[in-house]
Amino acid sequence: MTAQTVIFYAFAAILVFAALRVITSRNPVHSALWLVLSFSAQPACGCCCRRSSWPSRWCWSTSAR
């Protein structure tokens, strides 16, 4: 398992946990904070599995084809 795969699974786990907390949290402020965390983790997951060369300075896997 490569480091890129480990990072992808870590951000995916954070994303799923934060999305569940958005739904199950009783406090609306806490729900909004979990939503911000889930919105922040989503681009990180996309950068880990991206195969194109467009966002070359933001993503790790742009050279791997």
PDB file of N, CA and C in Angstrom:
ATOM      1  N   MET A   1       0.851  -1.168   0.000  1.00  0.00           N
ATOM      2  CA  MET A   1       0.000   0.000   0.000  1.00  0.00           C
ATOM      3  C   MET A   1       0.900   1.235   0.000  1.00  0.00           C
ATOM      4  N   THR A   2       0.661   2.129  -0.926  1.00  0.00           N
ATOM      5  CA  THR A   2       1.485   3.320  -1.038  1.00  0.00           C
ATOM      6  C   THR A   2       1.014   4.392  -0.058  1.00  0.00           C
ATOM      7  N   ALA A   3       1.847   5.392   0.110  1.00  0.00           N
ATOM      8  CA  ALA A   3       1.496   6.495   1.005  1.00  0.00           C
ATOM      9  C   ALA A   3       0.289   7.259   0.467  1.00  0.00           C
ATOM     10  N   GLN A   4       0.186   7.347  -0.848  1.00  0.00           N
ATOM     11  CA  GLN A   4      -0.946   8.034  -1.455  1.00  0.00           C
ATOM     12  C   GLN A   4      -2.258   7.329  -1.121  1.00  0.00           C
ATOM     13  N   THR A   5      -2.247   6.018  -1.119  1.00  0.00           N
ATOM     14  CA  THR A   5      -3.448   5.253  -0.782  1.00  0.00           C
ATOM     15  C   THR A   5      -3.822   5.438   0.683  1.00  0.00           C
ATOM     16  N   VAL A   6      -2.825   5.451   1.549  1.00  0.00           N
ATOM     17  CA  VAL A   6      -3.082   5.657   2.976  1.00  0.00           C
ATOM     18  C   VAL A   6      -3.672   7.041   3.220  1.00  0.00           C
ATOM     19  N   ILE A   7      -3.131   8.047   2.558  1.00  0.00           N
ATOM     20  CA  ILE A   7      -3.653   9.412   2.707  1.00  0.00           C
ATOM     21  C   ILE A   7      -5.086   9.495   2.180  1.00  0.00           C
ATOM     22  N   PHE A   8      -5.360   8.837   1.052  1.00  0.00           N
ATOM     23  CA  PHE A   8      -6.714   8.839   0.511  1.00  0.00           C
ATOM     24  C   PHE A   8      -7.693   8.215   1.495  1.00  0.00           C
ATOM     25  N   TYR A   9      -7.346   7.054   2.059  1.00  0.00           N
ATOM     26  CA  TYR A   9      -8.251   6.395   3.004  1.00  0.00           C
ATOM     27  C   TYR A   9      -8.423   7.204   4.288  1.00  0.00           C
ATOM     28  N   ALA A  10      -7.390   7.901   4.716  1.00  0.00           N
ATOM     29  CA  ALA A  10      -7.508   8.735   5.911  1.00  0.00           C
ATOM     30  C   ALA A  10      -8.481   9.890   5.668  1.00  0.00           C
ATOM     31  N   PHE A  11      -8.323  10.569   4.536  1.00  0.00           N
ATOM     32  CA  PHE A  11      -9.250  11.661   4.230  1.00  0.00           C
ATOM     33  C   PHE A  11     -10.656  11.141   3.955  1.00  0.00           C
ATOM     34  N   ALA A  12     -10.791   9.973   3.368  1.00  0.00           N
ATOM     35  CA  ALA A  12     -12.114   9.398   3.136  1.00  0.00           C
ATOM     36  C   ALA A  12     -12.798   9.068   4.458  1.00  0.00           C
ATOM     37  N   ALA A  13     -12.043   8.546   5.416  1.00  0.00           N
ATOM     38  CA  ALA A  13     -12.613   8.245   6.727  1.00  0.00           C
ATOM     39  C   ALA A  13     -13.045   9.527   7.442  1.00  0.00           C
ATOM     40  N   ILE A  14     -12.220  10.563   7.344  1.00  0.00           N
ATOM     41  CA  ILE A  14     -12.587  11.850   7.941  1.00  0.00           C
ATOM     42  C   ILE A  14     -13.859  12.387   7.288  1.00  0.00           C
ATOM     43  N   LEU A  15     -13.946  12.251   5.976  1.00  0.00           N
ATOM     44  CA  LEU A  15     -15.111  12.746   5.246  1.00  0.00           C
ATOM     45  C   LEU A  15     -16.383  12.007   5.649  1.00  0.00           C
ATOM     46  N   VAL A  16     -16.325  10.702   5.746  1.00  0.00           N
ATOM     47  CA  VAL A  16     -17.508   9.918   6.127  1.00  0.00           C
ATOM     48  C   VAL A  16     -17.914  10.228   7.562  1.00  0.00           C
ATOM     49  N   PHE A  17     -16.935  10.309   8.463  1.00  0.00           N
ATOM     50  CA  PHE A  17     -17.243  10.609   9.865  1.00  0.00           C
ATOM     51  C   PHE A  17     -17.865  12.000  10.005  1.00  0.00           C
ATOM     52  N   ALA A  18     -17.285  12.980   9.314  1.00  0.00           N
ATOM     53  CA  ALA A  18     -17.826  14.343   9.398  1.00  0.00           C
ATOM     54  C   ALA A  18     -19.228  14.421   8.805  1.00  0.00           C
ATOM     55  N   ALA A  19     -19.468  13.702   7.722  1.00  0.00           N
ATOM     56  CA  ALA A  19     -20.808  13.707   7.125  1.00  0.00           C
ATOM     57  C   ALA A  19     -21.835  13.071   8.064  1.00  0.00           C
ATOM     58  N   LEU A  20     -21.447  12.029   8.744  1.00  0.00           N
ATOM     59  CA  LEU A  20     -22.359  11.416   9.718  1.00  0.00           C
ATOM     60  C   LEU A  20     -22.624  12.339  10.896  1.00  0.00           C
ATOM     61  N   ARG A  21     -21.609  13.070  11.318  1.00  0.00           N
ATOM     62  CA  ARG A  21     -21.787  13.999  12.432  1.00  0.00           C
ATOM     63  C   ARG A  21     -22.656  15.201  12.038  1.00  0.00           C
ATOM     64  N   VAL A  22     -22.635  15.587  10.770  1.00  0.00           N
ATOM     65  CA  VAL A  22     -23.527  16.657  10.317  1.00  0.00           C
ATOM     66  C   VAL A  22     -24.975  16.236  10.528  1.00  0.00           C
ATOM     67  N   ILE A  23     -25.269  14.995  10.233  1.00  0.00           N
ATOM     68  CA  ILE A  23     -26.644  14.500  10.329  1.00  0.00           C
ATOM     69  C   ILE A  23     -27.058  14.252  11.773  1.00  0.00           C
ATOM     70  N   THR A  24     -26.143  13.721  12.595  1.00  0.00           N
ATOM     71  CA  THR A  24     -26.522  13.285  13.934  1.00  0.00           C
ATOM     72  C   THR A  24     -26.316  14.331  15.017  1.00  0.00           C
ATOM     73  N   SER A  25     -25.686  15.427  14.719  1.00  0.00           N
ATOM     74  CA  SER A  25     -25.438  16.448  15.734  1.00  0.00           C
ATOM     75  C   SER A  25     -26.724  17.217  16.035  1.00  0.00           C
ATOM     76  N   ARG A  26     -26.959  17.471  17.312  1.00  0.00           N
ATOM     77  CA  ARG A  26     -28.167  18.188  17.705  1.00  0.00           C
ATOM     78  C   ARG A  26     -27.975  19.705  17.650  1.00  0.00           C
ATOM     79  N   ASN A  27     -26.770  20.165  17.852  1.00  0.00           N
ATOM     80  CA  ASN A  27     -26.488  21.591  17.851  1.00  0.00           C
ATOM     81  C   ASN A  27     -26.237  22.062  16.413  1.00  0.00           C
ATOM     82  N   PRO A  28     -26.965  23.057  15.942  1.00  0.00           N
ATOM     83  CA  PRO A  28     -26.782  23.508  14.557  1.00  0.00           C
ATOM     84  C   PRO A  28     -25.397  24.106  14.291  1.00  0.00           C
ATOM     85  N   VAL A  29     -24.802  24.714  15.293  1.00  0.00           N
ATOM     86  CA  VAL A  29     -23.460  25.269  15.114  1.00  0.00           C
ATOM     87  C   VAL A  29     -22.445  24.153  14.929  1.00  0.00           C
ATOM     88  N   HIS A  30     -22.582  23.093  15.709  1.00  0.00           N
ATOM     89  CA  HIS A  30     -21.694  21.943  15.555  1.00  0.00           C
ATOM     90  C   HIS A  30     -21.902  21.272  14.201  1.00  0.00           C
ATOM     91  N   SER A  31     -23.141  21.207  13.762  1.00  0.00           N
ATOM     92  CA  SER A  31     -23.410  20.643  12.432  1.00  0.00           C
ATOM     93  C   SER A  31     -22.737  21.465  11.339  1.00  0.00           C
ATOM     94  N   ALA A  32     -22.770  22.774  11.478  1.00  0.00           N
ATOM     95  CA  ALA A  32     -22.123  23.634  10.484  1.00  0.00           C
ATOM     96  C   ALA A  32     -20.611  23.447  10.499  1.00  0.00           C
ATOM     97  N   LEU A  33     -20.023  23.269  11.661  1.00  0.00           N
ATOM     98  CA  LEU A  33     -18.579  23.044  11.751  1.00  0.00           C
ATOM     99  C   LEU A  33     -18.187  21.694  11.151  1.00  0.00           C
ATOM    100  N   TRP A  34     -18.998  20.666  11.399  1.00  0.00           N
ATOM    101  CA  TRP A  34     -18.729  19.361  10.773  1.00  0.00           C
ATOM    102  C   TRP A  34     -18.885  19.447   9.263  1.00  0.00           C
ATOM    103  N   LEU A  35     -19.828  20.265   8.800  1.00  0.00           N
ATOM    104  CA  LEU A  35     -20.015  20.443   7.361  1.00  0.00           C
ATOM    105  C   LEU A  35     -18.802  21.120   6.733  1.00  0.00           C
ATOM    106  N   VAL A  36     -18.234  22.093   7.416  1.00  0.00           N
ATOM    107  CA  VAL A  36     -17.017  22.746   6.927  1.00  0.00           C
ATOM    108  C   VAL A  36     -15.872  21.734   6.849  1.00  0.00           C
ATOM    109  N   LEU A  37     -15.766  20.872   7.845  1.00  0.00           N
ATOM    110  CA  LEU A  37     -14.728  19.838   7.815  1.00  0.00           C
ATOM    111  C   LEU A  37     -14.947  18.870   6.661  1.00  0.00           C
ATOM    112  N   SER A  38     -16.178  18.497   6.415  1.00  0.00           N
ATOM    113  CA  SER A  38     -16.436  17.585   5.302  1.00  0.00           C
ATOM    114  C   SER A  38     -16.168  18.250   3.955  1.00  0.00           C
ATOM    115  N   PHE A  39     -16.491  19.538   3.844  1.00  0.00           N
ATOM    116  CA  PHE A  39     -16.169  20.265   2.608  1.00  0.00           C
ATOM    117  C   PHE A  39     -14.663  20.407   2.428  1.00  0.00           C
ATOM    118  N   SER A  40     -13.914  20.445   3.510  1.00  0.00           N
ATOM    119  CA  SER A  40     -12.457  20.559   3.420  1.00  0.00           C
ATOM    120  C   SER A  40     -11.798  19.232   3.072  1.00  0.00           C
ATOM    121  N   ALA A  41     -12.361  18.138   3.516  1.00  0.00           N
ATOM    122  CA  ALA A  41     -11.770  16.821   3.265  1.00  0.00           C
ATOM    123  C   ALA A  41     -12.080  16.314   1.860  1.00  0.00           C
ATOM    124  N   GLN A  42     -13.142  16.798   1.260  1.00  0.00           N
ATOM    125  CA  GLN A  42     -13.533  16.308  -0.062  1.00  0.00           C
ATOM    126  C   GLN A  42     -12.514  16.627  -1.153  1.00  0.00           C
ATOM    127  N   PRO A  43     -11.973  17.832  -1.260  1.00  0.00           N
ATOM    128  CA  PRO A  43     -10.959  18.076  -2.303  1.00  0.00           C
ATOM    129  C   PRO A  43      -9.672  17.287  -2.078  1.00  0.00           C
ATOM    130  N   ALA A  44      -9.360  17.018  -0.825  1.00  0.00           N
ATOM    131  CA  ALA A  44      -8.162  16.226  -0.543  1.00  0.00           C
ATOM    132  C   ALA A  44      -8.327  14.808  -1.069  1.00  0.00           C
ATOM    133  N   CYS A  45      -9.519  14.253  -0.947  1.00  0.00           N
ATOM    134  CA  CYS A  45      -9.775  12.922  -1.514  1.00  0.00           C
ATOM    135  C   CYS A  45      -9.680  12.964  -3.032  1.00  0.00           C
ATOM    136  N   GLY A  46     -10.184  14.012  -3.632  1.00  0.00           N
ATOM    137  CA  GLY A  46     -10.120  14.135  -5.081  1.00  0.00           C
ATOM    138  C   GLY A  46      -8.703  14.290  -5.594  1.00  0.00           C
ATOM    139  N   CYS A  47      -7.873  14.982  -4.846  1.00  0.00           N
ATOM    140  CA  CYS A  47      -6.483  15.165  -5.275  1.00  0.00           C
ATOM    141  C   CYS A  47      -5.685  13.872  -5.165  1.00  0.00           C
ATOM    142  N   CYS A  48      -6.054  13.022  -4.240  1.00  0.00           N
ATOM    143  CA  CYS A  48      -5.308  11.767  -4.077  1.00  0.00           C
ATOM    144  C   CYS A  48      -5.555  10.802  -5.226  1.00  0.00           C
ATOM    145  N   CYS A  49      -6.726  10.846  -5.828  1.00  0.00           N
ATOM    146  CA  CYS A  49      -7.029   9.870  -6.869  1.00  0.00           C
ATOM    147  C   CYS A  49      -7.091  10.482  -8.260  1.00  0.00           C
ATOM    148  N   ARG A  50      -6.718  11.738  -8.409  1.00  0.00           N
ATOM    149  CA  ARG A  50      -6.769  12.402  -9.714  1.00  0.00           C
ATOM    150  C   ARG A  50      -5.658  11.874 -10.613  1.00  0.00           C
ATOM    151  N   ARG A  51      -5.987  11.645 -11.872  1.00  0.00           N
ATOM    152  CA  ARG A  51      -5.031  11.115 -12.839  1.00  0.00           C
ATOM    153  C   ARG A  51      -4.665  12.109 -13.935  1.00  0.00           C
ATOM    154  N   SER A  52      -5.362  13.223 -14.028  1.00  0.00           N
ATOM    155  CA  SER A  52      -5.052  14.184 -15.086  1.00  0.00           C
ATOM    156  C   SER A  52      -3.922  15.105 -14.649  1.00  0.00           C
ATOM    157  N   SER A  53      -3.416  15.890 -15.583  1.00  0.00           N
ATOM    158  CA  SER A  53      -2.296  16.763 -15.262  1.00  0.00           C
ATOM    159  C   SER A  53      -2.720  18.213 -15.067  1.00  0.00           C
ATOM    160  N   TRP A  54      -4.030  18.499 -14.980  1.00  0.00           N
ATOM    161  CA  TRP A  54      -4.462  19.877 -14.872  1.00  0.00           C
ATOM    162  C   TRP A  54      -4.028  20.549 -13.564  1.00  0.00           C
ATOM    163  N   PRO A  55      -4.397  20.064 -12.372  1.00  0.00           N
ATOM    164  CA  PRO A  55      -3.997  20.796 -11.160  1.00  0.00           C
ATOM    165  C   PRO A  55      -2.628  20.335 -10.666  1.00  0.00           C
ATOM    166  N   SER A  56      -1.606  20.535 -11.435  1.00  0.00           N
ATOM    167  CA  SER A  56      -0.312  19.942 -11.156  1.00  0.00           C
ATOM    168  C   SER A  56       0.327  20.455  -9.880  1.00  0.00           C
ATOM    169  N   ARG A  57       0.054  21.671  -9.473  1.00  0.00           N
ATOM    170  CA  ARG A  57       0.723  22.152  -8.271  1.00  0.00           C
ATOM    171  C   ARG A  57      -0.059  21.864  -6.996  1.00  0.00           C
ATOM    172  N   TRP A  58      -1.279  21.332  -7.093  1.00  0.00           N
ATOM    173  CA  TRP A  58      -2.059  21.047  -5.905  1.00  0.00           C
ATOM    174  C   TRP A  58      -2.159  19.566  -5.574  1.00  0.00           C
ATOM    175  N   CYS A  59      -2.003  18.702  -6.539  1.00  0.00           N
ATOM    176  CA  CYS A  59      -2.265  17.292  -6.311  1.00  0.00           C
ATOM    177  C   CYS A  59      -0.972  16.484  -6.386  1.00  0.00           C
ATOM    178  N   TRP A  60      -0.970  15.366  -5.685  1.00  0.00           N
ATOM    179  CA  TRP A  60       0.224  14.542  -5.576  1.00  0.00           C
ATOM    180  C   TRP A  60       0.404  13.613  -6.757  1.00  0.00           C
ATOM    181  N   SER A  61      -0.654  13.112  -7.329  1.00  0.00           N
ATOM    182  CA  SER A  61      -0.544  12.025  -8.299  1.00  0.00           C
ATOM    183  C   SER A  61      -0.593  12.503  -9.746  1.00  0.00           C
ATOM    184  N   THR A  62      -0.163  13.694 -10.034  1.00  0.00           N
ATOM    185  CA  THR A  62      -0.284  14.201 -11.392  1.00  0.00           C
ATOM    186  C   THR A  62       0.730  13.556 -12.327  1.00  0.00           C
ATOM    187  N   SER A  63       1.856  13.109 -11.823  1.00  0.00           N
ATOM    188  CA  SER A  63       2.862  12.504 -12.696  1.00  0.00           C
ATOM    189  C   SER A  63       2.622  11.007 -12.904  1.00  0.00           C
ATOM    190  N   ALA A  64       1.810  10.386 -12.060  1.00  0.00           N
ATOM    191  CA  ALA A  64       1.552   8.954 -12.188  1.00  0.00           C
ATOM    192  C   ALA A  64       0.430   8.721 -13.198  1.00  0.00           C
ATOM    193  N   ARG A  65       0.714   8.044 -14.261  1.00  0.00           N
ATOM    194  CA  ARG A  65      -0.321   7.715 -15.258  1.00  0.00           C
ATOM    195  C   ARG A  65      -0.292   6.248 -15.545  1.00  0.00           C
TER     196      ARG A  65
END
